[in-house]
PDB file of N, CA and C in Angstrom:
ATOM      1  N   MET A   1       1.638 -62.566 -32.895  1.00  0.00           N
ATOM      2  CA  MET A   1       1.795 -61.762 -31.304  1.00  0.00           C
ATOM      3  C   MET A   1       1.769 -63.154 -30.924  1.00  0.00           C
ATOM      4  N   ASN A   2       3.043 -63.389 -29.995  1.00  0.00           N
ATOM      5  CA  ASN A   2       3.492 -64.292 -29.148  1.00  0.00           C
ATOM      6  C   ASN A   2       2.879 -64.334 -27.755  1.00  0.00           C
ATOM      7  N   PHE A   3       2.814 -65.047 -26.756  1.00  0.00           N
ATOM      8  CA  PHE A   3       1.995 -65.391 -25.528  1.00  0.00           C
ATOM      9  C   PHE A   3       2.386 -64.432 -24.857  1.00  0.00           C
ATOM     10  N   GLU A   4       3.451 -63.742 -24.492  1.00  0.00           N
ATOM     11  CA  GLU A   4       3.886 -63.017 -23.335  1.00  0.00           C
ATOM     12  C   GLU A   4       3.703 -61.546 -23.994  1.00  0.00           C
ATOM     13  N   ALA A   5       3.546 -61.138 -25.011  1.00  0.00           N
ATOM     14  CA  ALA A   5       2.974 -59.589 -25.462  1.00  0.00           C
ATOM     15  C   ALA A   5       1.489 -59.901 -25.203  1.00  0.00           C
ATOM     16  N   PHE A   6       0.472 -61.064 -25.331  1.00  0.00           N
ATOM     17  CA  PHE A   6      -0.828 -60.893 -24.945  1.00  0.00           C
ATOM     18  C   PHE A   6      -1.056 -60.724 -23.319  1.00  0.00           C
ATOM     19  N   LYS A   7      -0.286 -61.591 -22.906  1.00  0.00           N
ATOM     20  CA  LYS A   7      -0.250 -61.462 -21.362  1.00  0.00           C
ATOM     21  C   LYS A   7      -0.023 -60.066 -20.726  1.00  0.00           C
ATOM     22  N   SER A   8       1.262 -59.295 -21.497  1.00  0.00           N
ATOM     23  CA  SER A   8       1.417 -58.138 -20.982  1.00  0.00           C
ATOM     24  C   SER A   8       0.358 -57.044 -21.283  1.00  0.00           C
ATOM     25  N   PHE A   9      -0.538 -57.321 -22.451  1.00  0.00           N
ATOM     26  CA  PHE A   9      -1.435 -56.587 -23.158  1.00  0.00           C
ATOM     27  C   PHE A   9      -2.972 -56.971 -21.986  1.00  0.00           C
ATOM     28  N   VAL A  10      -3.162 -57.741 -21.295  1.00  0.00           N
ATOM     29  CA  VAL A  10      -3.964 -58.268 -20.892  1.00  0.00           C
ATOM     30  C   VAL A  10      -3.909 -57.829 -19.372  1.00  0.00           C
ATOM     31  N   SER A  11      -2.690 -57.856 -18.693  1.00  0.00           N
ATOM     32  CA  SER A  11      -2.447 -57.348 -17.271  1.00  0.00           C
ATOM     33  C   SER A  11      -2.366 -56.028 -17.358  1.00  0.00           C
ATOM     34  N   ALA A  12      -2.045 -55.222 -18.275  1.00  0.00           N
ATOM     35  CA  ALA A  12      -1.981 -54.071 -18.178  1.00  0.00           C
ATOM     36  C   ALA A  12      -3.154 -53.183 -17.647  1.00  0.00           C
ATOM     37  N   GLU A  13      -3.101 -51.954 -16.971  1.00  0.00           N
ATOM     38  CA  GLU A  13      -4.118 -51.323 -16.446  1.00  0.00           C
ATOM     39  C   GLU A  13      -4.397 -49.823 -17.070  1.00  0.00           C
ATOM     40  N   ASP A  14      -3.711 -49.357 -17.972  1.00  0.00           N
ATOM     41  CA  ASP A  14      -3.892 -48.317 -18.633  1.00  0.00           C
ATOM     42  C   ASP A  14      -4.923 -47.726 -18.898  1.00  0.00           C
ATOM     43  N   GLY A  15      -5.773 -48.609 -19.313  1.00  0.00           N
ATOM     44  CA  GLY A  15      -7.184 -47.679 -19.927  1.00  0.00           C
ATOM     45  C   GLY A  15      -8.194 -48.237 -19.023  1.00  0.00           C
ATOM     46  N   ALA A  16      -7.761 -48.469 -17.666  1.00  0.00           N
ATOM     47  CA  ALA A  16      -9.034 -49.101 -16.681  1.00  0.00           C
ATOM     48  C   ALA A  16      -9.691 -47.585 -16.440  1.00  0.00           C
ATOM     49  N   VAL A  17      -9.039 -46.327 -16.067  1.00  0.00           N
ATOM     50  CA  VAL A  17      -9.650 -45.374 -15.587  1.00  0.00           C
ATOM     51  C   VAL A  17     -10.452 -44.498 -16.559  1.00  0.00           C
ATOM     52  N   THR A  18     -10.171 -45.025 -17.852  1.00  0.00           N
ATOM     53  CA  THR A  18     -10.726 -44.634 -19.023  1.00  0.00           C
ATOM     54  C   THR A  18     -12.017 -45.326 -19.235  1.00  0.00           C
ATOM     55  N   VAL A  19     -12.203 -46.441 -18.915  1.00  0.00           N
ATOM     56  CA  VAL A  19     -13.455 -47.477 -19.133  1.00  0.00           C
ATOM     57  C   VAL A  19     -14.257 -46.794 -18.084  1.00  0.00           C
ATOM     58  N   ASP A  20     -13.756 -46.753 -16.824  1.00  0.00           N
ATOM     59  CA  ASP A  20     -14.677 -46.377 -15.716  1.00  0.00           C
ATOM     60  C   ASP A  20     -15.060 -45.177 -15.910  1.00  0.00           C
ATOM     61  N   TRP A  21     -14.666 -44.224 -16.512  1.00  0.00           N
ATOM     62  CA  TRP A  21     -15.310 -42.832 -16.544  1.00  0.00           C
ATOM     63  C   TRP A  21     -16.395 -42.982 -17.966  1.00  0.00           C
ATOM     64  N   VAL A  22     -16.139 -43.814 -18.935  1.00  0.00           N
ATOM     65  CA  VAL A  22     -16.893 -44.223 -19.592  1.00  0.00           C
ATOM     66  C   VAL A  22     -18.130 -44.952 -19.332  1.00  0.00           C
ATOM     67  N   VAL A  23     -18.074 -45.830 -18.500  1.00  0.00           N
ATOM     68  CA  VAL A  23     -19.451 -46.192 -17.830  1.00  0.00           C
ATOM     69  C   VAL A  23     -20.006 -45.604 -16.881  1.00  0.00           C
ATOM     70  N   LEU A  24     -19.311 -44.777 -15.962  1.00  0.00           N
ATOM     71  CA  LEU A  24     -20.137 -43.543 -15.454  1.00  0.00           C
ATOM     72  C   LEU A  24     -20.835 -42.383 -16.174  1.00  0.00           C
ATOM     73  N   THR A  25     -20.285 -42.220 -17.318  1.00  0.00           N
ATOM     74  CA  THR A  25     -20.992 -41.196 -17.986  1.00  0.00           C
ATOM     75  C   THR A  25     -21.944 -41.867 -18.549  1.00  0.00           C
ATOM     76  N   ALA A  26     -21.678 -43.039 -19.377  1.00  0.00           N
ATOM     77  CA  ALA A  26     -22.963 -43.840 -19.572  1.00  0.00           C
ATOM     78  C   ALA A  26     -24.158 -43.956 -18.808  1.00  0.00           C
ATOM     79  N   ALA A  27     -23.993 -44.094 -17.725  1.00  0.00           N
ATOM     80  CA  ALA A  27     -24.753 -44.648 -16.801  1.00  0.00           C
ATOM     81  C   ALA A  27     -25.362 -43.005 -16.027  1.00  0.00           C
ATOM     82  N   LEU A  28     -24.961 -41.857 -16.121  1.00  0.00           N
ATOM     83  CA  LEU A  28     -25.386 -40.478 -15.846  1.00  0.00           C
ATOM     84  C   LEU A  28     -26.273 -40.113 -17.321  1.00  0.00           C
ATOM     85  N   VAL A  29     -25.732 -40.371 -18.642  1.00  0.00           N
ATOM     86  CA  VAL A  29     -26.929 -40.093 -19.590  1.00  0.00           C
ATOM     87  C   VAL A  29     -28.176 -41.112 -19.456  1.00  0.00           C
ATOM     88  N   GLY A  30     -27.952 -42.435 -19.215  1.00  0.00           N
ATOM     89  CA  GLY A  30     -29.561 -43.145 -19.057  1.00  0.00           C
ATOM     90  C   GLY A  30     -29.911 -42.431 -18.123  1.00  0.00           C
ATOM     91  N   LEU A  31     -29.655 -42.231 -16.550  1.00  0.00           N
ATOM     92  CA  LEU A  31     -30.659 -41.389 -15.742  1.00  0.00           C
ATOM     93  C   LEU A  31     -31.314 -40.254 -16.354  1.00  0.00           C
ATOM     94  N   GLY A  32     -30.553 -39.577 -16.650  1.00  0.00           N
ATOM     95  CA  GLY A  32     -30.767 -38.193 -17.504  1.00  0.00           C
ATOM     96  C   GLY A  32     -32.095 -38.341 -18.564  1.00  0.00           C
ATOM     97  N   LEU A  33     -31.921 -39.554 -19.195  1.00  0.00           N
ATOM     98  CA  LEU A  33     -33.189 -40.128 -20.175  1.00  0.00           C
ATOM     99  C   LEU A  33     -34.154 -40.596 -19.473  1.00  0.00           C
ATOM    100  N   ALA A  34     -34.083 -41.302 -18.365  1.00  0.00           N
ATOM    101  CA  ALA A  34     -34.998 -42.071 -17.605  1.00  0.00           C
ATOM    102  C   ALA A  34     -35.825 -40.857 -16.728  1.00  0.00           C
ATOM    103  N   VAL A  35     -34.979 -39.744 -16.365  1.00  0.00           N
ATOM    104  CA  VAL A  35     -35.854 -38.570 -15.683  1.00  0.00           C
ATOM    105  C   VAL A  35     -36.792 -37.893 -16.681  1.00  0.00           C
ATOM    106  N   MET A  36     -36.222 -37.416 -17.777  1.00  0.00           N
ATOM    107  CA  MET A  36     -36.855 -36.447 -18.952  1.00  0.00           C
ATOM    108  C   MET A  36     -38.051 -37.569 -19.117  1.00  0.00           C
ATOM    109  N   ALA A  37     -38.244 -38.709 -19.684  1.00  0.00           N
ATOM    110  CA  ALA A  37     -39.044 -39.790 -19.661  1.00  0.00           C
ATOM    111  C   ALA A  37     -40.161 -39.570 -18.772  1.00  0.00           C
ATOM    112  N   VAL A  38     -39.907 -39.807 -17.508  1.00  0.00           N
ATOM    113  CA  VAL A  38     -40.812 -39.513 -16.482  1.00  0.00           C
ATOM    114  C   VAL A  38     -41.316 -38.194 -16.354  1.00  0.00           C
ATOM    115  N   VAL A  39     -40.649 -36.919 -16.483  1.00  0.00           N
ATOM    116  CA  VAL A  39     -41.121 -35.596 -16.176  1.00  0.00           C
ATOM    117  C   VAL A  39     -42.050 -35.092 -17.580  1.00  0.00           C
ATOM    118  N   SER A  40     -41.344 -35.626 -18.651  1.00  0.00           N
ATOM    119  CA  SER A  40     -41.861 -34.689 -19.828  1.00  0.00           C
ATOM    120  C   SER A  40     -43.325 -34.882 -20.150  1.00  0.00           C
ATOM    121  N   ASP A  41     -44.110 -35.886 -19.493  1.00  0.00           N
ATOM    122  CA  ASP A  41     -45.413 -35.867 -19.976  1.00  0.00           C
ATOM    123  C   ASP A  41     -46.347 -34.723 -18.529  1.00  0.00           C
ATOM    124  N   GLY A  42     -45.758 -34.571 -17.535  1.00  0.00           N
ATOM    125  CA  GLY A  42     -46.350 -33.466 -16.525  1.00  0.00           C
ATOM    126  C   GLY A  42     -45.808 -31.712 -16.980  1.00  0.00           C
ATOM    127  N   VAL A  43     -44.391 -32.068 -17.393  1.00  0.00           N
ATOM    128  CA  VAL A  43     -44.266 -30.893 -18.097  1.00  0.00           C
ATOM    129  C   VAL A  43     -44.816 -30.373 -19.347  1.00  0.00           C
ATOM    130  N   GLY A  44     -45.196 -31.184 -20.210  1.00  0.00           N
ATOM    131  CA  GLY A  44     -46.233 -30.866 -21.245  1.00  0.00           C
ATOM    132  C   GLY A  44     -47.628 -30.657 -21.028  1.00  0.00           C
ATOM    133  N   THR A  45     -48.194 -31.264 -20.204  1.00  0.00           N
ATOM    134  CA  THR A  45     -49.355 -30.819 -19.608  1.00  0.00           C
ATOM    135  C   THR A  45     -49.557 -29.525 -19.008  1.00  0.00           C
ATOM    136  N   LEU A  46     -48.305 -29.145 -18.065  1.00  0.00           N
ATOM    137  CA  LEU A  46     -48.141 -27.961 -17.439  1.00  0.00           C
ATOM    138  C   LEU A  46     -48.341 -26.783 -18.521  1.00  0.00           C
ATOM    139  N   SER A  47     -47.402 -26.921 -19.351  1.00  0.00           N
ATOM    140  CA  SER A  47     -46.742 -26.191 -20.349  1.00  0.00           C
ATOM    141  C   SER A  47     -48.151 -25.965 -21.470  1.00  0.00           C
ATOM    142  N   ASN A  48     -49.140 -26.782 -21.802  1.00  0.00           N
ATOM    143  CA  ASN A  48     -50.499 -26.650 -22.532  1.00  0.00           C
ATOM    144  C   ASN A  48     -51.239 -25.703 -21.579  1.00  0.00           C
ATOM    145  N   SER A  49     -51.441 -25.929 -19.965  1.00  0.00           N
ATOM    146  CA  SER A  49     -52.564 -25.417 -19.748  1.00  0.00           C
ATOM    147  C   SER A  49     -51.959 -24.276 -19.294  1.00  0.00           C
ATOM    148  N   ILE A  50     -50.590 -23.485 -19.333  1.00  0.00           N
ATOM    149  CA  ILE A  50     -50.055 -22.202 -19.363  1.00  0.00           C
ATOM    150  C   ILE A  50     -50.467 -21.430 -20.566  1.00  0.00           C
ATOM    151  N   ALA A  51     -50.366 -22.219 -21.521  1.00  0.00           N
ATOM    152  CA  ALA A  51     -50.564 -21.603 -22.600  1.00  0.00           C
ATOM    153  C   ALA A  51     -52.274 -21.211 -22.914  1.00  0.00           C
ATOM    154  N   ASP A  52     -52.801 -22.152 -22.759  1.00  0.00           N
ATOM    155  CA  ASP A  52     -54.355 -22.220 -22.564  1.00  0.00           C
ATOM    156  C   ASP A  52     -54.702 -20.847 -21.993  1.00  0.00           C
ATOM    157  N   GLU A  53     -54.183 -20.655 -20.771  1.00  0.00           N
ATOM    158  CA  GLU A  53     -54.691 -19.525 -19.950  1.00  0.00           C
ATOM    159  C   GLU A  53     -54.457 -18.068 -20.514  1.00  0.00           C
ATOM    160  N   LEU A  54     -52.630 -18.282 -20.910  1.00  0.00           N
ATOM    161  CA  LEU A  54     -52.419 -17.039 -21.444  1.00  0.00           C
ATOM    162  C   LEU A  54     -53.471 -16.989 -22.937  1.00  0.00           C
ATOM    163  N   GLU A  55     -53.693 -17.664 -23.585  1.00  0.00           N
ATOM    164  CA  GLU A  55     -54.451 -17.127 -24.977  1.00  0.00           C
ATOM    165  C   GLU A  55     -55.834 -16.755 -24.339  1.00  0.00           C
ATOM    166  N   SER A  56     -56.183 -17.222 -23.237  1.00  0.00           N
ATOM    167  CA  SER A  56     -57.538 -17.135 -22.952  1.00  0.00           C
ATOM    168  C   SER A  56     -57.696 -15.289 -22.252  1.00  0.00           C
ATOM    169  N   GLN A  57     -56.568 -14.755 -22.046  1.00  0.00           N
ATOM    170  CA  GLN A  57     -56.430 -13.361 -21.600  1.00  0.00           C
ATOM    171  C   GLN A  57     -56.750 -12.480 -22.622  1.00  0.00           C
ATOM    172  N   ASP A  58     -57.437 -11.317 -22.124  1.00  0.00           N
ATOM    173  CA  ASP A  58     -57.416 -10.008 -23.030  1.00  0.00           C
ATOM    174  C   ASP A  58     -56.658  -9.196 -22.609  1.00  0.00           C
ATOM    175  N   PRO A  59     -55.642  -8.717 -23.211  1.00  0.00           N
ATOM    176  CA  PRO A  59     -54.638  -7.722 -23.001  1.00  0.00           C
ATOM    177  C   PRO A  59     -55.585  -6.656 -22.707  1.00  0.00           C
ATOM    178  N   SER A  60     -56.649  -6.056 -23.477  1.00  0.00           N
ATOM    179  CA  SER A  60     -56.910  -4.884 -23.566  1.00  0.00           C
ATOM    180  C   SER A  60     -57.572  -4.490 -22.311  1.00  0.00           C
ATOM    181  N   VAL A  61     -58.293  -5.517 -21.739  1.00  0.00           N
ATOM    182  CA  VAL A  61     -58.880  -5.499 -20.100  1.00  0.00           C
ATOM    183  C   VAL A  61     -58.203  -5.673 -19.461  1.00  0.00           C
ATOM    184  N   GLY A  62     -58.392  -4.728 -18.217  1.00  0.00           N
ATOM    185  CA  GLY A  62     -57.514  -5.142 -17.096  1.00  0.00           C
ATOM    186  C   GLY A  62     -57.836  -4.014 -16.129  1.00  0.00           C
ATOM    187  N   ASP A  63     -57.055  -3.729 -14.946  1.00  0.00           N
ATOM    188  CA  ASP A  63     -56.925  -2.629 -14.083  1.00  0.00           C
ATOM    189  C   ASP A  63     -55.722  -2.211 -14.522  1.00  0.00           C
ATOM    190  N   LEU A  64     -55.438  -1.371 -15.176  1.00  0.00           N
ATOM    191  CA  LEU A  64     -54.012  -0.635 -15.657  1.00  0.00           C
ATOM    192  C   LEU A  64     -54.139   0.697 -14.733  1.00  0.00           C
ATOM    193  N   PRO A  65     -53.123   1.073 -14.482  1.00  0.00           N
ATOM    194  CA  PRO A  65     -53.113   2.384 -13.719  1.00  0.00           C
ATOM    195  C   PRO A  65     -52.976   3.420 -14.514  1.00  0.00           C
ATOM    196  N   PHE A  66     -53.135   3.137 -16.045  1.00  0.00           N
ATOM    197  CA  PHE A  66     -53.038   4.450 -16.585  1.00  0.00           C
ATOM    198  C   PHE A  66     -53.946   4.203 -17.875  1.00  0.00           C
ATOM    199  N   ASP A  67     -54.494   5.431 -18.686  1.00  0.00           N
ATOM    200  CA  ASP A  67     -55.329   5.140 -19.660  1.00  0.00           C
ATOM    201  C   ASP A  67     -54.357   4.987 -21.482  1.00  0.00           C
ATOM    202  N   ARG A  68     -54.864   3.897 -21.891  1.00  0.00           N
ATOM    203  CA  ARG A  68     -54.004   3.519 -22.854  1.00  0.00           C
ATOM    204  C   ARG A  68     -54.094   4.786 -23.869  1.00  0.00           C
ATOM    205  N   ASP A  69     -55.469   5.261 -24.353  1.00  0.00           N
ATOM    206  CA  ASP A  69     -55.530   6.563 -25.137  1.00  0.00           C
ATOM    207  C   ASP A  69     -54.761   7.595 -24.894  1.00  0.00           C
ATOM    208  N   SER A  70     -55.174   8.015 -23.696  1.00  0.00           N
ATOM    209  CA  SER A  70     -54.577   9.437 -23.832  1.00  0.00           C
ATOM    210  C   SER A  70     -53.057   9.363 -23.120  1.00  0.00           C
ATOM    211  N   GLY A  71     -52.586   8.637 -22.883  1.00  0.00           N
ATOM    212  CA  GLY A  71     -51.291   8.415 -22.190  1.00  0.00           C
ATOM    213  C   GLY A  71     -51.149   9.392 -20.630  1.00  0.00           C
ATOM    214  N   THR A  72     -52.171   9.620 -20.161  1.00  0.00           N
ATOM    215  CA  THR A  72     -52.186   9.928 -18.702  1.00  0.00           C
ATOM    216  C   THR A  72     -52.363   8.790 -17.823  1.00  0.00           C
ATOM    217  N   GLY A  73     -52.091   9.368 -16.625  1.00  0.00           N
ATOM    218  CA  GLY A  73     -52.234   8.394 -15.599  1.00  0.00           C
ATOM    219  C   GLY A  73     -52.385   8.765 -14.250  1.00  0.00           C
ATOM    220  N   THR A  74     -52.568   8.186 -13.373  1.00  0.00           N
ATOM    221  CA  THR A  74     -52.665   8.676 -11.698  1.00  0.00           C
ATOM    222  C   THR A  74     -51.507   7.892 -10.739  1.00  0.00           C
ATOM    223  N   GLY A  75     -51.302   8.101  -9.789  1.00  0.00           N
ATOM    224  CA  GLY A  75     -50.218   7.318  -9.336  1.00  0.00           C
ATOM    225  C   GLY A  75     -49.735   8.463  -8.354  1.00  0.00           C
ATOM    226  N   THR A  76     -48.888   7.575  -7.297  1.00  0.00           N
ATOM    227  CA  THR A  76     -48.206   8.469  -6.168  1.00  0.00           C
ATOM    228  C   THR A  76     -46.598   7.492  -6.576  1.00  0.00           C
ATOM    229  N   GLY A  77     -45.622   8.620  -6.303  1.00  0.00           N
ATOM    230  CA  GLY A  77     -44.019   8.243  -6.377  1.00  0.00           C
ATOM    231  C   GLY A  77     -43.034   9.037  -6.335  1.00  0.00           C
ATOM    232  N   THR A  78     -41.873   9.156  -6.115  1.00  0.00           N
ATOM    233  CA  THR A  78     -40.812   9.992  -6.156  1.00  0.00           C
ATOM    234  C   THR A  78     -40.124   9.311  -7.224  1.00  0.00           C
ATOM    235  N   GLY A  79     -39.233  10.670  -7.726  1.00  0.00           N
ATOM    236  CA  GLY A  79     -38.234  10.078  -8.783  1.00  0.00           C
ATOM    237  C   GLY A  79     -38.057  11.180  -9.612  1.00  0.00           C
ATOM    238  N   THR A  80     -36.883  11.060 -10.807  1.00  0.00           N
ATOM    239  CA  THR A  80     -36.487  11.935 -11.541  1.00  0.00           C
ATOM    240  C   THR A  80     -37.066  11.374 -12.949  1.00  0.00           C
ATOM    241  N   GLY A  81     -36.867  11.858 -13.936  1.00  0.00           N
ATOM    242  CA  GLY A  81     -36.988  11.456 -15.191  1.00  0.00           C
ATOM    243  C   GLY A  81     -37.878  12.534 -16.273  1.00  0.00           C
ATOM    244  N   THR A  82     -37.982  12.106 -17.568  1.00  0.00           N
ATOM    245  CA  THR A  82     -38.916  12.547 -18.326  1.00  0.00           C
ATOM    246  C   THR A  82     -40.112  12.143 -18.866  1.00  0.00           C
ATOM    247  N   GLY A  83     -40.872  12.642 -19.340  1.00  0.00           N
ATOM    248  CA  GLY A  83     -42.448  11.975 -19.724  1.00  0.00           C
ATOM    249  C   GLY A  83     -43.368  13.000 -19.542  1.00  0.00           C
ATOM    250  N   SER A  84     -44.419  12.482 -20.108  1.00  0.00           N
ATOM    251  CA  SER A  84     -45.796  13.074 -19.922  1.00  0.00           C
ATOM    252  C   SER A  84     -46.705  12.518 -19.071  1.00  0.00           C
ATOM    253  N   GLY A  85     -48.148  13.463 -18.466  1.00  0.00           N
ATOM    254  CA  GLY A  85     -48.941  12.663 -17.726  1.00  0.00           C
ATOM    255  C   GLY A  85     -49.396  13.318 -16.686  1.00  0.00           C
ATOM    256  N   THR A  86     -49.961  13.014 -15.981  1.00  0.00           N
ATOM    257  CA  THR A  86     -50.268  13.519 -14.461  1.00  0.00           C
ATOM    258  C   THR A  86     -50.386  12.755 -13.516  1.00  0.00           C
ATOM    259  N   GLY A  87     -50.222  13.225 -12.195  1.00  0.00           N
ATOM    260  CA  GLY A  87     -50.001  12.434 -11.029  1.00  0.00           C
ATOM    261  C   GLY A  87     -50.935  12.999 -10.009  1.00  0.00           C
ATOM    262  N   GLY A  88     -50.992  12.030  -9.063  1.00  0.00           N
ATOM    263  CA  GLY A  88     -52.061  12.348  -7.881  1.00  0.00           C
ATOM    264  C   GLY A  88     -51.550  12.387  -6.552  1.00  0.00           C
TER     265      GLY A  88
END
């Protein structure tokens, strides 16, 4: 390779935009990883506390507007449809 070809290669700016995009993308990926590292502990703690709260709930006890066993309920409302039960 002669000196003129090397000089032409070094002075060419054809790949400069590509390099800029690669650097910008790498910076965004690094920023995303940094944010994930900071937030992940808090999200994990919150997720565990929500899971503990949901596990402590008894779905068979509560203020439900209907009786599970008989299929009847009370309530008010308007509308059309099919079904069974009593309304008040």
